[in-house]
Amino acid sequence: MPKKWPRLTQPLRAVLEALAAASADEPVYGFRLCDLTDLGSGTVYPILERLAELGWVDSTWEQGQPSGRPRRRYYRLTGLGRTEWAEARAAREARRRRWTGLVPSPPADDVRGLS
């Protein structure tokens, strides 16, 4: 039986790509993820909650209380998250290659019906 991953919607893939690209020196906080993915908070935060439930993401709060703004919550992919995301992405690409291979395009010299 194939492994079961969350449905890899475009918003989910965008959030995972942004998290995977983040460095340990510059962790990603929620509103920054919204900016990076061009998605609203009503999309990003539920995705982050689902990924946390799966163990793919963990978060930490910013230390101290900055002046003039609320504390930020930083998100990062866990080791499990990186592994599962890589496997899910590879499986998705393999499926896409199979699907596109099922309907080959006609050869370039096939001119039937073009007269």
C-alpha atoms as a PDB file:
ATOM      1  CA  MET A   1       0.000   0.000   0.000  1.00  0.00           C
ATOM      2  CA  PRO A   2       1.455   3.400  -0.941  1.00  0.00           C
ATOM      3  CA  LYS A   3       2.407   5.835   1.769  1.00  0.00           C
ATOM      4  CA  LYS A   4      -0.289   8.370   2.682  1.00  0.00           C
ATOM      5  CA  TRP A   5       0.771  12.004   2.616  1.00  0.00           C
ATOM      6  CA  PRO A   6      -1.391  15.078   2.928  1.00  0.00           C
ATOM      7  CA  ARG A   7      -2.931  16.207  -0.348  1.00  0.00           C
ATOM      8  CA  LEU A   8      -0.154  18.179  -2.031  1.00  0.00           C
ATOM      9  CA  THR A   9      -2.106  21.246  -3.022  1.00  0.00           C
ATOM     10  CA  GLN A  10      -0.347  24.266  -4.494  1.00  0.00           C
ATOM     11  CA  PRO A  11      -0.607  26.215  -1.199  1.00  0.00           C
ATOM     12  CA  LEU A  12       0.792  23.288   0.797  1.00  0.00           C
ATOM     13  CA  ARG A  13       3.665  22.858  -1.652  1.00  0.00           C
ATOM     14  CA  ALA A  14       4.418  26.606  -1.504  1.00  0.00           C
ATOM     15  CA  VAL A  15       4.581  26.555   2.308  1.00  0.00           C
ATOM     16  CA  LEU A  16       6.771  23.438   2.332  1.00  0.00           C
ATOM     17  CA  GLU A  17       9.125  24.898  -0.284  1.00  0.00           C
ATOM     18  CA  ALA A  18       9.468  28.121   1.719  1.00  0.00           C
ATOM     19  CA  LEU A  19      10.166  26.192   4.917  1.00  0.00           C
ATOM     20  CA  ALA A  20      12.672  23.924   3.154  1.00  0.00           C
ATOM     21  CA  ALA A  21      14.512  26.954   1.757  1.00  0.00           C
ATOM     22  CA  ALA A  22      14.770  28.683   5.145  1.00  0.00           C
ATOM     23  CA  SER A  23      18.126  28.619   6.874  1.00  0.00           C
ATOM     24  CA  ALA A  24      18.728  27.959  10.552  1.00  0.00           C
ATOM     25  CA  ASP A  25      20.200  31.485  10.791  1.00  0.00           C
ATOM     26  CA  GLU A  26      17.024  33.066   9.413  1.00  0.00           C
ATOM     27  CA  PRO A  27      14.005  31.064  10.591  1.00  0.00           C
ATOM     28  CA  VAL A  28      10.644  31.820   9.028  1.00  0.00           C
ATOM     29  CA  TYR A  29       7.795  33.306  11.028  1.00  0.00           C
ATOM     30  CA  GLY A  30       4.130  33.083  10.075  1.00  0.00           C
ATOM     31  CA  PHE A  31       3.580  36.422   8.346  1.00  0.00           C
ATOM     32  CA  ARG A  32       6.883  36.055   6.516  1.00  0.00           C
ATOM     33  CA  LEU A  33       5.582  32.739   5.149  1.00  0.00           C
ATOM     34  CA  CYS A  34       2.491  34.596   3.948  1.00  0.00           C
ATOM     35  CA  ASP A  35       4.752  37.074   2.106  1.00  0.00           C
ATOM     36  CA  LEU A  36       7.030  34.389   0.654  1.00  0.00           C
ATOM     37  CA  THR A  37       4.165  32.249  -0.613  1.00  0.00           C
ATOM     38  CA  ASP A  38       1.788  35.078  -1.580  1.00  0.00           C
ATOM     39  CA  LEU A  39      -0.904  33.333   0.478  1.00  0.00           C
ATOM     40  CA  GLY A  40      -3.168  34.752   3.148  1.00  0.00           C
ATOM     41  CA  SER A  41      -2.910  33.967   6.823  1.00  0.00           C
ATOM     42  CA  GLY A  42      -6.223  32.087   6.609  1.00  0.00           C
ATOM     43  CA  THR A  43      -4.454  29.627   4.308  1.00  0.00           C
ATOM     44  CA  VAL A  44      -0.948  29.524   5.793  1.00  0.00           C
ATOM     45  CA  TYR A  45      -1.776  29.046   9.476  1.00  0.00           C
ATOM     46  CA  PRO A  46      -4.138  26.072   8.987  1.00  0.00           C
ATOM     47  CA  ILE A  47      -1.459  24.455   6.804  1.00  0.00           C
ATOM     48  CA  LEU A  48       1.124  24.991   9.544  1.00  0.00           C
ATOM     49  CA  GLU A  49      -1.239  23.459  12.115  1.00  0.00           C
ATOM     50  CA  ARG A  50      -1.797  20.363   9.958  1.00  0.00           C
ATOM     51  CA  LEU A  51       1.939  19.986   9.333  1.00  0.00           C
ATOM     52  CA  ALA A  52       2.613  20.290  13.070  1.00  0.00           C
ATOM     53  CA  GLU A  53       0.032  17.553  13.771  1.00  0.00           C
ATOM     54  CA  LEU A  54       1.884  15.308  11.305  1.00  0.00           C
ATOM     55  CA  GLY A  55       5.207  16.067  13.001  1.00  0.00           C
ATOM     56  CA  TRP A  56       6.565  17.729   9.859  1.00  0.00           C
ATOM     57  CA  VAL A  57       6.885  21.204  11.427  1.00  0.00           C
ATOM     58  CA  ASP A  58       7.748  22.530  14.835  1.00  0.00           C
ATOM     59  CA  SER A  59       7.740  26.067  16.122  1.00  0.00           C
ATOM     60  CA  THR A  60       9.326  28.253  18.744  1.00  0.00           C
ATOM     61  CA  TRP A  61       8.419  31.661  20.059  1.00  0.00           C
ATOM     62  CA  GLU A  62      10.760  34.593  19.704  1.00  0.00           C
ATOM     63  CA  GLN A  63      12.709  35.231  22.896  1.00  0.00           C
ATOM     64  CA  GLY A  64      11.825  38.342  24.850  1.00  0.00           C
ATOM     65  CA  GLN A  65       9.181  40.908  24.033  1.00  0.00           C
ATOM     66  CA  PRO A  66      10.137  43.204  21.147  1.00  0.00           C
ATOM     67  CA  SER A  67       8.938  46.773  21.383  1.00  0.00           C
ATOM     68  CA  GLY A  68       6.241  47.887  19.001  1.00  0.00           C
ATOM     69  CA  ARG A  69       5.076  44.447  17.801  1.00  0.00           C
ATOM     70  CA  PRO A  70       3.971  41.062  19.104  1.00  0.00           C
ATOM     71  CA  ARG A  71       6.445  38.223  19.504  1.00  0.00           C
ATOM     72  CA  ARG A  72       6.963  36.120  16.400  1.00  0.00           C
ATOM     73  CA  ARG A  73       6.446  32.399  16.194  1.00  0.00           C
ATOM     74  CA  TYR A  74       9.169  30.775  14.099  1.00  0.00           C
ATOM     75  CA  TYR A  75       8.528  27.614  12.086  1.00  0.00           C
ATOM     76  CA  ARG A  76      10.909  25.011  10.751  1.00  0.00           C
ATOM     77  CA  LEU A  77      10.693  21.630   9.061  1.00  0.00           C
ATOM     78  CA  THR A  78      11.610  18.770  11.352  1.00  0.00           C
ATOM     79  CA  GLY A  79      13.884  15.949  10.208  1.00  0.00           C
ATOM     80  CA  LEU A  80      10.774  13.858   9.620  1.00  0.00           C
ATOM     81  CA  GLY A  81       9.215  16.739   7.701  1.00  0.00           C
ATOM     82  CA  ARG A  82      12.214  17.105   5.409  1.00  0.00           C
ATOM     83  CA  THR A  83      12.291  13.366   4.733  1.00  0.00           C
ATOM     84  CA  GLU A  84       8.539  13.051   4.169  1.00  0.00           C
ATOM     85  CA  TRP A  85       8.423  16.167   1.974  1.00  0.00           C
ATOM     86  CA  ALA A  86      11.277  14.865  -0.174  1.00  0.00           C
ATOM     87  CA  GLU A  87       9.557  11.475  -0.546  1.00  0.00           C
ATOM     88  CA  ALA A  88       6.141  13.022  -1.253  1.00  0.00           C
ATOM     89  CA  ARG A  89       7.638  15.393  -3.829  1.00  0.00           C
ATOM     90  CA  ALA A  90       9.500  12.530  -5.544  1.00  0.00           C
ATOM     91  CA  ALA A  91       6.355  10.355  -5.587  1.00  0.00           C
ATOM     92  CA  ARG A  92       4.337  13.238  -7.025  1.00  0.00           C
ATOM     93  CA  GLU A  93       6.890  13.813  -9.773  1.00  0.00           C
ATOM     94  CA  ALA A  94       6.955  10.079 -10.595  1.00  0.00           C
ATOM     95  CA  ARG A  95       3.153  10.089 -10.911  1.00  0.00           C
ATOM     96  CA  ARG A  96       3.287  13.166 -13.144  1.00  0.00           C
ATOM     97  CA  ARG A  97       5.873  11.483 -15.394  1.00  0.00           C
ATOM     98  CA  ARG A  98       3.696   8.352 -15.632  1.00  0.00           C
ATOM     99  CA  TRP A  99       0.596  10.392 -16.448  1.00  0.00           C
ATOM    100  CA  THR A 100       2.298  12.465 -19.107  1.00  0.00           C
ATOM    101  CA  GLY A 101       3.809   9.290 -20.569  1.00  0.00           C
ATOM    102  CA  LEU A 102       0.364   7.745 -21.042  1.00  0.00           C
ATOM    103  CA  VAL A 103      -0.585  10.196 -23.781  1.00  0.00           C
ATOM    104  CA  PRO A 104       2.437  10.602 -26.053  1.00  0.00           C
ATOM    105  CA  SER A 105       2.418  13.580 -28.340  1.00  0.00           C
ATOM    106  CA  PRO A 106       2.278  12.821 -32.072  1.00  0.00           C
ATOM    107  CA  PRO A 107       5.565  12.753 -33.943  1.00  0.00           C
ATOM    108  CA  ALA A 108       6.567  16.060 -35.509  1.00  0.00           C
ATOM    109  CA  ASP A 109       6.346  14.585 -39.036  1.00  0.00           C
ATOM    110  CA  ASP A 110       2.747  13.380 -38.501  1.00  0.00           C
ATOM    111  CA  VAL A 111       0.737  15.745 -40.700  1.00  0.00           C
ATOM    112  CA  ARG A 112      -2.457  13.727 -41.022  1.00  0.00           C
ATOM    113  CA  GLY A 113      -5.480  15.958 -41.381  1.00  0.00           C
ATOM    114  CA  LEU A 114      -3.449  19.130 -41.847  1.00  0.00           C
ATOM    115  CA  SER A 115      -4.233  19.637 -45.532  1.00  0.00           C
END
